[in-house]
Amino acid sequence: MSDTAQRLLRLLSLLQTPRDWSGPELAERLGVTGRTVRNDVERLRGLGYPVEGIRGVTGGYRLGPGAELPPLLLDDDEAVAVAVGLRVGATQGAVTGIEEAALRALTKLEQMLPSRLRRRVHGLRASLAPLPHPGPRVDADTLTAIAAAARDHERLRFDYTGHDRSAGRREVEPHRLAHSRGRWYLVGWDVARSDWRTFRVDRLRLRTPNGPRFTPREDPGGDLAGHVATGLATATWQYRARVTVHAPAGHVRARLPSGVPVEPLGDDACVAEVGSDSPHLLACYLGMLDADFEVTGPPELLARIRVLADRYRRAAPDDPAAS
C-alpha cells in the first residue's frame, strides 16, 4: 500500500471519531504539513466522504452525514472490537430497541471478516456468558440525542426525577455520557445551579427544541472519571459525616467504596467524607475501617455509635483475670 493511501486511511480513521479536529492537530498526528492535510481532505471528498470544514477560531474538520454510507475501513483490532460490542449489545445491552439491529449488523460484519479474524471473534463469543441486564434500560434515541447535543455544543432541556422522587425541569450544557454499574449517566453543567451535575439518563425526558449553543468547559475538577465516581458514590446519601481516621489515607481508601473523598492529614491520619442511607449502616461501616476514628456529627450517627459501643461491650465483657 502506498504512503498516500496509508495516510488517507489514518486520516479517515481520525475523522470517524466523534469530535472536531483542527488542521494542526491532524498534521501533528499524521506527521505532515497543514497543506498536505488540506490536500488529503480534498482527496477524501473526491472519494465521496462528506468531510465538513468548520470556520472560526475553533474551526477544523469533521466527518459529516452523507446521502450514502461510504465504505467503513477498520483495522483488525477495530473489527474484532466492533464484533464483540455488537454481540454484547444484541444479548445483554442496557439500551432498548437495538438488539435486533445489533444482531443484523453483527451477521453482516462476520460475513466480511477474513478467517483469521472470524476465529478470534468466535473464540471470544464462545467464552461470553450472557446475563440478564439488572439495571434500568434507556432508549437508543435518547442517547443519540444527548450525544448529538454534546457534539454540537447545544444546551439540553429536560424533565428530571431525582433519587428522592422530586421532579423538576433542568437546562444543562451536556458534557459527556458515562456508563457505570449498569446505568447510563449524563455529566453536564446545570445552568440554574451554576455547577456540575450528574443525571441518570433513565430518569430524564428530553424536551425539544434544544437550547442555545454554548462554549465547552474543561472537565470538572480536571478529572471527569473521578468526578463521576464521587458523584455515584455519594449522590444518594441521606446521612453524611466528616470523620477523622487515625490511619494512612491509603489504608482508609482501600476499605471505602470507590469515589468516597479521603484527604490525607500527614502520614498516619486522614479525613474521610462518608455517608449512608441510615446512621446504623454508617456506624457499621466506620467500625470496619479497622482504625481509631473521631466523629463530631450528625447527632443520629453519634447516638448509633454509642448504642453499638454498649452492645459490643456487653458481648465481650472485661476479663477479671486480665484486670
C-alpha atoms as a PDB file:
ATOM      1  CA  MET A   1       0.000   0.000   0.000  1.00  0.00           C
ATOM      2  CA  SER A   2       1.396   3.459  -0.890  1.00  0.00           C
ATOM      3  CA  ASP A   3       2.280   6.057   1.735  1.00  0.00           C
ATOM      4  CA  THR A   4      -0.537   8.298   0.481  1.00  0.00           C
ATOM      5  CA  ALA A   5      -3.123   5.516   0.751  1.00  0.00           C
ATOM      6  CA  GLN A   6      -1.966   4.626   4.272  1.00  0.00           C
ATOM      7  CA  ARG A   7      -2.123   8.285   5.285  1.00  0.00           C
ATOM      8  CA  LEU A   8      -5.651   8.638   3.879  1.00  0.00           C
ATOM      9  CA  LEU A   9      -6.774   5.596   5.846  1.00  0.00           C
ATOM     10  CA  ARG A  10      -5.262   7.049   9.012  1.00  0.00           C
ATOM     11  CA  LEU A  11      -6.886  10.432   8.362  1.00  0.00           C
ATOM     12  CA  LEU A  12     -10.253   8.795   7.748  1.00  0.00           C
ATOM     13  CA  SER A  13      -9.907   6.817  10.978  1.00  0.00           C
ATOM     14  CA  LEU A  14      -9.271  10.037  12.928  1.00  0.00           C
ATOM     15  CA  LEU A  15     -12.203  11.847  11.304  1.00  0.00           C
ATOM     16  CA  GLN A  16     -14.550   8.980  12.169  1.00  0.00           C
ATOM     17  CA  THR A  17     -14.128   9.699  15.897  1.00  0.00           C
ATOM     18  CA  PRO A  18     -16.997  11.850  17.286  1.00  0.00           C
ATOM     19  CA  ARG A  19     -15.093  15.139  17.637  1.00  0.00           C
ATOM     20  CA  ASP A  20     -13.790  18.084  15.632  1.00  0.00           C
ATOM     21  CA  TRP A  21     -10.149  18.088  14.507  1.00  0.00           C
ATOM     22  CA  SER A  22      -8.149  21.231  13.805  1.00  0.00           C
ATOM     23  CA  GLY A  23      -5.743  21.279  10.888  1.00  0.00           C
ATOM     24  CA  PRO A  24      -2.639  21.496  13.138  1.00  0.00           C
ATOM     25  CA  GLU A  25      -3.892  18.543  15.250  1.00  0.00           C
ATOM     26  CA  LEU A  26      -4.324  16.373  12.170  1.00  0.00           C
ATOM     27  CA  ALA A  27      -0.935  17.446  10.808  1.00  0.00           C
ATOM     28  CA  GLU A  28       0.755  16.505  14.084  1.00  0.00           C
ATOM     29  CA  ARG A  29      -0.998  13.115  14.261  1.00  0.00           C
ATOM     30  CA  LEU A  30      -0.118  12.294  10.658  1.00  0.00           C
ATOM     31  CA  GLY A  31       3.388  13.774  10.725  1.00  0.00           C
ATOM     32  CA  VAL A  32       2.751  16.007   7.699  1.00  0.00           C
ATOM     33  CA  THR A  33       2.259  19.689   6.905  1.00  0.00           C
ATOM     34  CA  GLY A  34      -1.009  21.565   7.059  1.00  0.00           C
ATOM     35  CA  ARG A  35      -1.016  21.839   3.277  1.00  0.00           C
ATOM     36  CA  THR A  36      -0.825  18.046   2.967  1.00  0.00           C
ATOM     37  CA  VAL A  37      -3.770  17.717   5.348  1.00  0.00           C
ATOM     38  CA  ARG A  38      -5.831  20.077   3.177  1.00  0.00           C
ATOM     39  CA  ASN A  39      -4.915  18.134   0.059  1.00  0.00           C
ATOM     40  CA  ASP A  40      -5.799  14.812   1.721  1.00  0.00           C
ATOM     41  CA  VAL A  41      -9.150  16.200   2.852  1.00  0.00           C
ATOM     42  CA  GLU A  42      -9.918  17.118  -0.753  1.00  0.00           C
ATOM     43  CA  ARG A  43      -8.950  13.576  -1.833  1.00  0.00           C
ATOM     44  CA  LEU A  44     -11.413  12.106   0.675  1.00  0.00           C
ATOM     45  CA  ARG A  45     -14.138  14.435  -0.541  1.00  0.00           C
ATOM     46  CA  GLY A  46     -13.430  13.296  -4.077  1.00  0.00           C
ATOM     47  CA  LEU A  47     -13.950   9.692  -2.934  1.00  0.00           C
ATOM     48  CA  GLY A  48     -17.395  10.554  -1.561  1.00  0.00           C
ATOM     49  CA  TYR A  49     -16.598  11.138   2.116  1.00  0.00           C
ATOM     50  CA  PRO A  50     -18.523  14.196   3.419  1.00  0.00           C
ATOM     51  CA  VAL A  51     -15.678  15.949   5.272  1.00  0.00           C
ATOM     52  CA  GLU A  52     -17.051  19.203   6.671  1.00  0.00           C
ATOM     53  CA  GLY A  53     -14.896  22.276   7.234  1.00  0.00           C
ATOM     54  CA  ILE A  54     -15.663  24.362  10.329  1.00  0.00           C
ATOM     55  CA  ARG A  55     -14.778  28.064  10.187  1.00  0.00           C
ATOM     56  CA  GLY A  56     -13.763  30.295  13.061  1.00  0.00           C
ATOM     57  CA  VAL A  57     -11.178  30.362  15.829  1.00  0.00           C
ATOM     58  CA  THR A  58     -12.045  26.821  16.919  1.00  0.00           C
ATOM     59  CA  GLY A  59     -12.528  25.634  13.327  1.00  0.00           C
ATOM     60  CA  GLY A  60     -11.384  22.371  11.888  1.00  0.00           C
ATOM     61  CA  TYR A  61     -12.741  19.243  10.233  1.00  0.00           C
ATOM     62  CA  ARG A  62     -15.326  16.610  10.984  1.00  0.00           C
ATOM     63  CA  LEU A  63     -16.885  13.726   9.061  1.00  0.00           C
ATOM     64  CA  GLY A  64     -20.471  14.780   8.429  1.00  0.00           C
ATOM     65  CA  PRO A  65     -23.528  12.755   7.445  1.00  0.00           C
ATOM     66  CA  GLY A  66     -23.853  11.835   3.764  1.00  0.00           C
ATOM     67  CA  ALA A  67     -26.616  10.748   1.437  1.00  0.00           C
ATOM     68  CA  GLU A  68     -24.852   7.409   1.025  1.00  0.00           C
ATOM     69  CA  LEU A  69     -22.759   5.482   3.513  1.00  0.00           C
ATOM     70  CA  PRO A  70     -19.186   5.325   2.214  1.00  0.00           C
ATOM     71  CA  PRO A  71     -17.054   2.245   2.838  1.00  0.00           C
ATOM     72  CA  LEU A  72     -16.114   1.789   6.505  1.00  0.00           C
ATOM     73  CA  LEU A  73     -12.444   0.979   6.980  1.00  0.00           C
ATOM     74  CA  LEU A  74     -11.428  -0.937  10.116  1.00  0.00           C
ATOM     75  CA  ASP A  75      -8.110  -2.458  11.139  1.00  0.00           C
ATOM     76  CA  ASP A  76      -8.004  -5.954  12.684  1.00  0.00           C
ATOM     77  CA  ASP A  77      -8.359  -4.877  16.307  1.00  0.00           C
ATOM     78  CA  GLU A  78     -11.169  -2.429  15.464  1.00  0.00           C
ATOM     79  CA  ALA A  79     -13.096  -5.116  13.570  1.00  0.00           C
ATOM     80  CA  VAL A  80     -12.850  -7.565  16.491  1.00  0.00           C
ATOM     81  CA  ALA A  81     -13.854  -4.847  18.979  1.00  0.00           C
ATOM     82  CA  VAL A  82     -16.918  -3.916  16.898  1.00  0.00           C
ATOM     83  CA  ALA A  83     -17.966  -7.559  16.543  1.00  0.00           C
ATOM     84  CA  VAL A  84     -17.693  -8.227  20.281  1.00  0.00           C
ATOM     85  CA  GLY A  85     -19.508  -4.978  21.093  1.00  0.00           C
ATOM     86  CA  LEU A  86     -22.353  -5.871  18.755  1.00  0.00           C
ATOM     87  CA  ARG A  87     -22.619  -9.323  20.324  1.00  0.00           C
ATOM     88  CA  VAL A  88     -22.899  -7.832  23.814  1.00  0.00           C
ATOM     89  CA  GLY A  89     -25.393  -5.229  22.596  1.00  0.00           C
ATOM     90  CA  ALA A  90     -27.536  -7.913  20.996  1.00  0.00           C
ATOM     91  CA  THR A  91     -27.666 -10.118  24.092  1.00  0.00           C
ATOM     92  CA  GLN A  92     -27.197  -8.074  27.264  1.00  0.00           C
ATOM     93  CA  GLY A  93     -27.124  -4.384  26.440  1.00  0.00           C
ATOM     94  CA  ALA A  94     -28.634  -1.580  28.523  1.00  0.00           C
ATOM     95  CA  VAL A  95     -30.156   0.215  25.534  1.00  0.00           C
ATOM     96  CA  THR A  96     -33.648  -0.665  24.354  1.00  0.00           C
ATOM     97  CA  GLY A  97     -34.522  -1.208  20.721  1.00  0.00           C
ATOM     98  CA  ILE A  98     -31.059  -2.071  19.398  1.00  0.00           C
ATOM     99  CA  GLU A  99     -30.922  -5.835  19.949  1.00  0.00           C
ATOM    100  CA  GLU A 100     -32.262  -6.841  16.543  1.00  0.00           C
ATOM    101  CA  ALA A 101     -30.282  -4.139  14.719  1.00  0.00           C
ATOM    102  CA  ALA A 102     -27.096  -5.179  16.527  1.00  0.00           C
ATOM    103  CA  LEU A 103     -27.637  -8.811  15.542  1.00  0.00           C
ATOM    104  CA  ARG A 104     -28.195  -7.877  11.872  1.00  0.00           C
ATOM    105  CA  ALA A 105     -25.065  -5.723  11.825  1.00  0.00           C
ATOM    106  CA  LEU A 106     -23.061  -8.488  13.514  1.00  0.00           C
ATOM    107  CA  THR A 107     -24.164 -11.015  10.896  1.00  0.00           C
ATOM    108  CA  LYS A 108     -23.085  -8.706   8.056  1.00  0.00           C
ATOM    109  CA  LEU A 109     -19.752  -7.953   9.718  1.00  0.00           C
ATOM    110  CA  GLU A 110     -18.876 -11.585  10.408  1.00  0.00           C
ATOM    111  CA  GLN A 111     -19.606 -12.482   6.775  1.00  0.00           C
ATOM    112  CA  MET A 112     -16.994  -9.939   5.681  1.00  0.00           C
ATOM    113  CA  LEU A 113     -14.294 -10.854   8.200  1.00  0.00           C
ATOM    114  CA  PRO A 114     -11.277 -12.813   6.993  1.00  0.00           C
ATOM    115  CA  SER A 115     -10.941 -16.274   8.512  1.00  0.00           C
ATOM    116  CA  ARG A 116      -8.179 -15.272  10.955  1.00  0.00           C
ATOM    117  CA  LEU A 117     -10.418 -12.601  12.496  1.00  0.00           C
ATOM    118  CA  ARG A 118     -13.536 -14.749  12.374  1.00  0.00           C
ATOM    119  CA  ARG A 119     -11.781 -17.338  14.551  1.00  0.00           C
ATOM    120  CA  ARG A 120     -10.867 -14.657  17.107  1.00  0.00           C
ATOM    121  CA  VAL A 121     -14.441 -13.370  17.233  1.00  0.00           C
ATOM    122  CA  HIS A 122     -15.924 -16.865  17.538  1.00  0.00           C
ATOM    123  CA  GLY A 123     -13.486 -17.698  20.340  1.00  0.00           C
ATOM    124  CA  LEU A 124     -14.485 -14.599  22.292  1.00  0.00           C
ATOM    125  CA  ARG A 125     -18.171 -15.243  21.632  1.00  0.00           C
ATOM    126  CA  ALA A 126     -17.885 -18.818  22.933  1.00  0.00           C
ATOM    127  CA  SER A 127     -16.364 -17.550  26.177  1.00  0.00           C
ATOM    128  CA  LEU A 128     -19.128 -14.991  26.852  1.00  0.00           C
ATOM    129  CA  ALA A 129     -21.809 -15.974  29.350  1.00  0.00           C
ATOM    130  CA  PRO A 130     -24.819 -13.694  28.692  1.00  0.00           C
ATOM    131  CA  LEU A 131     -26.520 -12.483  31.851  1.00  0.00           C
ATOM    132  CA  PRO A 132     -29.801 -10.565  32.023  1.00  0.00           C
ATOM    133  CA  HIS A 133     -29.300  -6.833  32.402  1.00  0.00           C
ATOM    134  CA  PRO A 134     -30.240  -5.959  36.018  1.00  0.00           C
ATOM    135  CA  GLY A 135     -30.484  -2.188  35.718  1.00  0.00           C
ATOM    136  CA  PRO A 136     -32.926   0.171  34.009  1.00  0.00           C
ATOM    137  CA  ARG A 137     -32.755   0.345  30.216  1.00  0.00           C
ATOM    138  CA  VAL A 138     -32.686   3.541  28.201  1.00  0.00           C
ATOM    139  CA  ASP A 139     -33.935   4.381  24.755  1.00  0.00           C
ATOM    140  CA  ALA A 140     -31.360   4.489  21.954  1.00  0.00           C
ATOM    141  CA  ASP A 141     -32.917   7.668  20.521  1.00  0.00           C
ATOM    142  CA  THR A 142     -32.414   9.444  23.853  1.00  0.00           C
ATOM    143  CA  LEU A 143     -28.729   8.505  23.984  1.00  0.00           C
ATOM    144  CA  THR A 144     -28.275   9.587  20.379  1.00  0.00           C
ATOM    145  CA  ALA A 145     -29.962  12.945  21.006  1.00  0.00           C
ATOM    146  CA  ILE A 146     -27.808  13.632  24.080  1.00  0.00           C
ATOM    147  CA  ALA A 147     -24.608  12.671  22.260  1.00  0.00           C
ATOM    148  CA  ALA A 148     -25.528  14.905  19.304  1.00  0.00           C
ATOM    149  CA  ALA A 149     -26.220  17.885  21.601  1.00  0.00           C
ATOM    150  CA  ALA A 150     -22.863  17.377  23.335  1.00  0.00           C
ATOM    151  CA  ARG A 151     -21.102  17.165  19.976  1.00  0.00           C
ATOM    152  CA  ASP A 152     -22.822  20.297  18.633  1.00  0.00           C
ATOM    153  CA  HIS A 153     -22.482  22.175  21.965  1.00  0.00           C
ATOM    154  CA  GLU A 154     -26.222  22.769  22.343  1.00  0.00           C
ATOM    155  CA  ARG A 155     -27.991  23.062  25.691  1.00  0.00           C
ATOM    156  CA  LEU A 156     -30.446  20.323  26.635  1.00  0.00           C
ATOM    157  CA  ARG A 157     -33.826  20.934  28.261  1.00  0.00           C
ATOM    158  CA  PHE A 158     -35.434  18.025  30.070  1.00  0.00           C
ATOM    159  CA  ASP A 159     -37.761  16.981  32.881  1.00  0.00           C
ATOM    160  CA  TYR A 160     -35.912  15.095  35.599  1.00  0.00           C
ATOM    161  CA  THR A 161     -36.908  12.916  38.562  1.00  0.00           C
ATOM    162  CA  GLY A 162     -34.272  12.800  41.305  1.00  0.00           C
ATOM    163  CA  HIS A 163     -33.420   9.880  43.575  1.00  0.00           C
ATOM    164  CA  ASP A 164     -35.669  11.456  46.232  1.00  0.00           C
ATOM    165  CA  ARG A 165     -38.580  11.370  43.707  1.00  0.00           C
ATOM    166  CA  SER A 166     -38.598  15.167  43.366  1.00  0.00           C
ATOM    167  CA  ALA A 167     -39.397  16.316  39.822  1.00  0.00           C
ATOM    168  CA  GLY A 168     -38.326  19.428  38.001  1.00  0.00           C
ATOM    169  CA  ARG A 169     -37.171  20.933  34.724  1.00  0.00           C
ATOM    170  CA  ARG A 170     -33.456  21.315  34.002  1.00  0.00           C
ATOM    171  CA  GLU A 171     -31.395  23.178  31.439  1.00  0.00           C
ATOM    172  CA  VAL A 172     -27.933  21.667  31.061  1.00  0.00           C
ATOM    173  CA  GLU A 173     -24.813  22.044  28.944  1.00  0.00           C
ATOM    174  CA  PRO A 174     -24.155  18.368  28.096  1.00  0.00           C
ATOM    175  CA  HIS A 175     -20.517  17.334  28.509  1.00  0.00           C
ATOM    176  CA  ARG A 176     -20.205  13.551  28.386  1.00  0.00           C
ATOM    177  CA  LEU A 177     -22.196  10.327  28.639  1.00  0.00           C
ATOM    178  CA  ALA A 178     -20.926   7.728  31.093  1.00  0.00           C
ATOM    179  CA  HIS A 179     -21.918   4.125  31.747  1.00  0.00           C
ATOM    180  CA  SER A 180     -21.352   2.553  35.164  1.00  0.00           C
ATOM    181  CA  ARG A 181     -22.990  -0.101  37.329  1.00  0.00           C
ATOM    182  CA  GLY A 182     -25.472  -0.960  34.589  1.00  0.00           C
ATOM    183  CA  ARG A 183     -26.750   2.610  34.208  1.00  0.00           C
ATOM    184  CA  TRP A 184     -26.226   5.489  31.768  1.00  0.00           C
ATOM    185  CA  TYR A 185     -25.367   8.947  33.133  1.00  0.00           C
ATOM    186  CA  LEU A 186     -25.181  12.435  31.648  1.00  0.00           C
ATOM    187  CA  VAL A 187     -22.469  14.707  33.040  1.00  0.00           C
ATOM    188  CA  GLY A 188     -23.219  18.364  32.406  1.00  0.00           C
ATOM    189  CA  TRP A 189     -23.194  21.933  33.651  1.00  0.00           C
ATOM    190  CA  ASP A 190     -26.518  22.787  35.312  1.00  0.00           C
ATOM    191  CA  VAL A 191     -27.256  26.345  34.201  1.00  0.00           C
ATOM    192  CA  ALA A 192     -29.633  27.244  37.052  1.00  0.00           C
ATOM    193  CA  ARG A 193     -27.337  25.845  39.765  1.00  0.00           C
ATOM    194  CA  SER A 194     -24.095  27.054  38.160  1.00  0.00           C
ATOM    195  CA  ASP A 195     -22.392  23.770  38.927  1.00  0.00           C
ATOM    196  CA  TRP A 196     -21.591  20.343  37.507  1.00  0.00           C
ATOM    197  CA  ARG A 197     -24.260  17.685  37.935  1.00  0.00           C
ATOM    198  CA  THR A 198     -24.597  14.002  37.034  1.00  0.00           C
ATOM    199  CA  PHE A 199     -28.023  12.805  35.824  1.00  0.00           C
ATOM    200  CA  ARG A 200     -29.340   9.290  35.305  1.00  0.00           C
ATOM    201  CA  VAL A 201     -30.494   9.092  31.705  1.00  0.00           C
ATOM    202  CA  ASP A 202     -33.373   6.731  32.511  1.00  0.00           C
ATOM    203  CA  ARG A 203     -34.829   9.424  34.797  1.00  0.00           C
ATOM    204  CA  LEU A 204     -34.892  12.265  32.264  1.00  0.00           C
ATOM    205  CA  ARG A 205     -37.328  13.107  29.482  1.00  0.00           C
ATOM    206  CA  LEU A 206     -35.962  15.376  26.774  1.00  0.00           C
ATOM    207  CA  ARG A 207     -37.804  18.469  25.624  1.00  0.00           C
ATOM    208  CA  THR A 208     -37.496  19.971  22.161  1.00  0.00           C
ATOM    209  CA  PRO A 209     -36.088  22.043  20.692  1.00  0.00           C
ATOM    210  CA  ASN A 210     -32.614  22.191  22.221  1.00  0.00           C
ATOM    211  CA  GLY A 211     -31.390  25.411  23.773  1.00  0.00           C
ATOM    212  CA  PRO A 212     -28.735  27.843  22.524  1.00  0.00           C
ATOM    213  CA  ARG A 213     -25.151  26.860  21.736  1.00  0.00           C
ATOM    214  CA  PHE A 214     -22.501  27.132  24.455  1.00  0.00           C
ATOM    215  CA  THR A 215     -18.728  27.215  24.792  1.00  0.00           C
ATOM    216  CA  PRO A 216     -17.466  23.832  26.090  1.00  0.00           C
ATOM    217  CA  ARG A 217     -15.957  23.769  29.576  1.00  0.00           C
ATOM    218  CA  GLU A 218     -12.973  21.855  30.885  1.00  0.00           C
ATOM    219  CA  ASP A 219     -13.556  18.524  32.643  1.00  0.00           C
ATOM    220  CA  PRO A 220     -14.958  19.101  36.168  1.00  0.00           C
ATOM    221  CA  GLY A 221     -12.021  19.338  38.533  1.00  0.00           C
ATOM    222  CA  GLY A 222      -9.779  18.302  35.652  1.00  0.00           C
ATOM    223  CA  ASP A 223     -10.788  14.677  36.237  1.00  0.00           C
ATOM    224  CA  LEU A 224     -14.059  13.544  34.671  1.00  0.00           C
ATOM    225  CA  ALA A 225     -13.749   9.919  35.806  1.00  0.00           C
ATOM    226  CA  GLY A 226     -13.067  10.966  39.398  1.00  0.00           C
ATOM    227  CA  HIS A 227     -15.975  13.415  39.350  1.00  0.00           C
ATOM    228  CA  VAL A 228     -18.405  10.754  38.137  1.00  0.00           C
ATOM    229  CA  ALA A 229     -17.109   8.148  40.612  1.00  0.00           C
ATOM    230  CA  THR A 230     -17.510  10.570  43.525  1.00  0.00           C
ATOM    231  CA  GLY A 231     -20.988  11.581  42.376  1.00  0.00           C
ATOM    232  CA  LEU A 232     -22.165   7.975  42.082  1.00  0.00           C
ATOM    233  CA  ALA A 233     -20.697   7.069  45.460  1.00  0.00           C
ATOM    234  CA  THR A 234     -22.271   9.988  47.331  1.00  0.00           C
ATOM    235  CA  ALA A 235     -25.419  11.068  45.444  1.00  0.00           C
ATOM    236  CA  THR A 236     -27.960   9.014  47.396  1.00  0.00           C
ATOM    237  CA  TRP A 237     -26.546   9.533  50.902  1.00  0.00           C
ATOM    238  CA  GLN A 238     -29.113  10.767  53.391  1.00  0.00           C
ATOM    239  CA  TYR A 239     -26.643  10.924  56.292  1.00  0.00           C
ATOM    240  CA  ARG A 240     -23.175  12.400  55.912  1.00  0.00           C
ATOM    241  CA  ALA A 241     -20.246  12.829  58.239  1.00  0.00           C
ATOM    242  CA  ARG A 242     -16.715  14.207  58.159  1.00  0.00           C
ATOM    243  CA  VAL A 243     -14.630  11.670  60.062  1.00  0.00           C
ATOM    244  CA  THR A 244     -11.012  11.920  61.212  1.00  0.00           C
ATOM    245  CA  VAL A 245      -9.397   8.488  60.935  1.00  0.00           C
ATOM    246  CA  HIS A 246      -6.071   7.708  62.641  1.00  0.00           C
ATOM    247  CA  ALA A 247      -4.672   5.672  59.764  1.00  0.00           C
ATOM    248  CA  PRO A 248      -2.953   6.391  56.434  1.00  0.00           C
ATOM    249  CA  ALA A 249      -5.190   7.601  53.618  1.00  0.00           C
ATOM    250  CA  GLY A 250      -4.357   4.522  51.515  1.00  0.00           C
ATOM    251  CA  HIS A 251      -5.498   2.214  54.334  1.00  0.00           C
ATOM    252  CA  VAL A 252      -8.857   4.021  54.511  1.00  0.00           C
ATOM    253  CA  ARG A 253      -9.418   4.277  50.742  1.00  0.00           C
ATOM    254  CA  ALA A 254      -8.962   0.518  50.420  1.00  0.00           C
ATOM    255  CA  ARG A 255     -11.863  -0.015  52.851  1.00  0.00           C
ATOM    256  CA  LEU A 256     -14.320   2.511  51.401  1.00  0.00           C
ATOM    257  CA  PRO A 257     -16.273   2.447  48.114  1.00  0.00           C
ATOM    258  CA  SER A 258     -14.524   3.936  45.086  1.00  0.00           C
ATOM    259  CA  GLY A 259     -15.078   7.683  44.818  1.00  0.00           C
ATOM    260  CA  VAL A 260     -15.517   8.449  48.533  1.00  0.00           C
ATOM    261  CA  PRO A 261     -13.348  11.533  49.244  1.00  0.00           C
ATOM    262  CA  VAL A 262     -10.375  10.887  51.549  1.00  0.00           C
ATOM    263  CA  GLU A 263      -7.977  13.747  52.394  1.00  0.00           C
ATOM    264  CA  PRO A 264      -4.564  12.894  53.947  1.00  0.00           C
ATOM    265  CA  LEU A 265      -3.559  14.578  57.216  1.00  0.00           C
ATOM    266  CA  GLY A 266       0.102  13.608  57.274  1.00  0.00           C
ATOM    267  CA  ASP A 267       1.321  10.024  57.127  1.00  0.00           C
ATOM    268  CA  ASP A 268      -0.854   8.481  59.851  1.00  0.00           C
ATOM    269  CA  ALA A 269      -4.195  10.294  59.688  1.00  0.00           C
ATOM    270  CA  CYS A 270      -6.797  11.427  57.185  1.00  0.00           C
ATOM    271  CA  VAL A 271     -10.274  12.912  56.879  1.00  0.00           C
ATOM    272  CA  ALA A 272     -12.983  10.915  55.086  1.00  0.00           C
ATOM    273  CA  GLU A 273     -16.265  12.341  53.774  1.00  0.00           C
ATOM    274  CA  VAL A 274     -18.514   9.347  54.410  1.00  0.00           C
ATOM    275  CA  GLY A 275     -22.244   8.732  54.248  1.00  0.00           C
ATOM    276  CA  SER A 276     -25.016   6.191  54.008  1.00  0.00           C
ATOM    277  CA  ASP A 277     -28.784   5.762  53.784  1.00  0.00           C
ATOM    278  CA  SER A 278     -29.046   5.200  57.546  1.00  0.00           C
ATOM    279  CA  PRO A 279     -26.957   6.122  60.621  1.00  0.00           C
ATOM    280  CA  HIS A 280     -26.851   2.440  61.612  1.00  0.00           C
ATOM    281  CA  LEU A 281     -25.179   1.372  58.354  1.00  0.00           C
ATOM    282  CA  LEU A 282     -22.769   4.304  58.540  1.00  0.00           C
ATOM    283  CA  ALA A 283     -21.755   3.393  62.096  1.00  0.00           C
ATOM    284  CA  CYS A 284     -21.143  -0.215  60.991  1.00  0.00           C
ATOM    285  CA  TYR A 285     -19.007   0.922  58.039  1.00  0.00           C
ATOM    286  CA  LEU A 286     -16.875   3.086  60.318  1.00  0.00           C
ATOM    287  CA  GLY A 287     -16.278   0.103  62.596  1.00  0.00           C
ATOM    288  CA  MET A 288     -14.997  -1.845  59.564  1.00  0.00           C
ATOM    289  CA  LEU A 289     -12.223   0.685  58.885  1.00  0.00           C
ATOM    290  CA  ASP A 290     -10.047  -1.204  61.377  1.00  0.00           C
ATOM    291  CA  ALA A 291      -8.685   2.029  62.828  1.00  0.00           C
ATOM    292  CA  ASP A 292      -9.462   4.576  65.544  1.00  0.00           C
ATOM    293  CA  PHE A 293     -11.660   7.452  64.400  1.00  0.00           C
ATOM    294  CA  GLU A 294     -13.334  10.621  65.682  1.00  0.00           C
ATOM    295  CA  VAL A 295     -16.854  11.740  64.783  1.00  0.00           C
ATOM    296  CA  THR A 296     -18.472  15.089  65.641  1.00  0.00           C
ATOM    297  CA  GLY A 297     -21.861  14.590  63.978  1.00  0.00           C
ATOM    298  CA  PRO A 298     -24.573  14.303  62.915  1.00  0.00           C
ATOM    299  CA  PRO A 299     -26.388  13.550  66.205  1.00  0.00           C
ATOM    300  CA  GLU A 300     -28.114  10.452  64.760  1.00  0.00           C
ATOM    301  CA  LEU A 301     -24.740   8.915  63.933  1.00  0.00           C
ATOM    302  CA  LEU A 302     -23.263   9.724  67.356  1.00  0.00           C
ATOM    303  CA  ALA A 303     -26.246   8.117  69.061  1.00  0.00           C
ATOM    304  CA  ARG A 304     -25.950   4.997  66.948  1.00  0.00           C
ATOM    305  CA  ILE A 305     -22.222   4.645  67.627  1.00  0.00           C
ATOM    306  CA  ARG A 306     -22.915   4.783  71.388  1.00  0.00           C
ATOM    307  CA  VAL A 307     -25.577   2.059  71.038  1.00  0.00           C
ATOM    308  CA  LEU A 308     -23.178  -0.178  69.115  1.00  0.00           C
ATOM    309  CA  ALA A 309     -20.346   0.514  71.565  1.00  0.00           C
ATOM    310  CA  ASP A 310     -22.526  -0.566  74.512  1.00  0.00           C
ATOM    311  CA  ARG A 311     -23.638  -3.663  72.619  1.00  0.00           C
ATOM    312  CA  TYR A 312     -20.054  -4.706  71.869  1.00  0.00           C
ATOM    313  CA  ARG A 313     -19.034  -4.159  75.500  1.00  0.00           C
ATOM    314  CA  ARG A 314     -21.857  -6.415  76.666  1.00  0.00           C
ATOM    315  CA  ALA A 315     -20.894  -9.038  74.086  1.00  0.00           C
ATOM    316  CA  ALA A 316     -17.270  -9.103  75.282  1.00  0.00           C
ATOM    317  CA  PRO A 317     -17.166  -8.107  78.994  1.00  0.00           C
ATOM    318  CA  ASP A 318     -13.892  -7.354  80.713  1.00  0.00           C
ATOM    319  CA  ASP A 319     -11.821 -10.381  81.746  1.00  0.00           C
ATOM    320  CA  PRO A 320     -11.395 -10.215  85.577  1.00  0.00           C
ATOM    321  CA  ALA A 321      -8.111 -12.078  85.342  1.00  0.00           C
ATOM    322  CA  ALA A 322      -6.758  -9.586  82.855  1.00  0.00           C
ATOM    323  CA  SER A 323      -7.847  -6.697  85.093  1.00  0.00           C
END
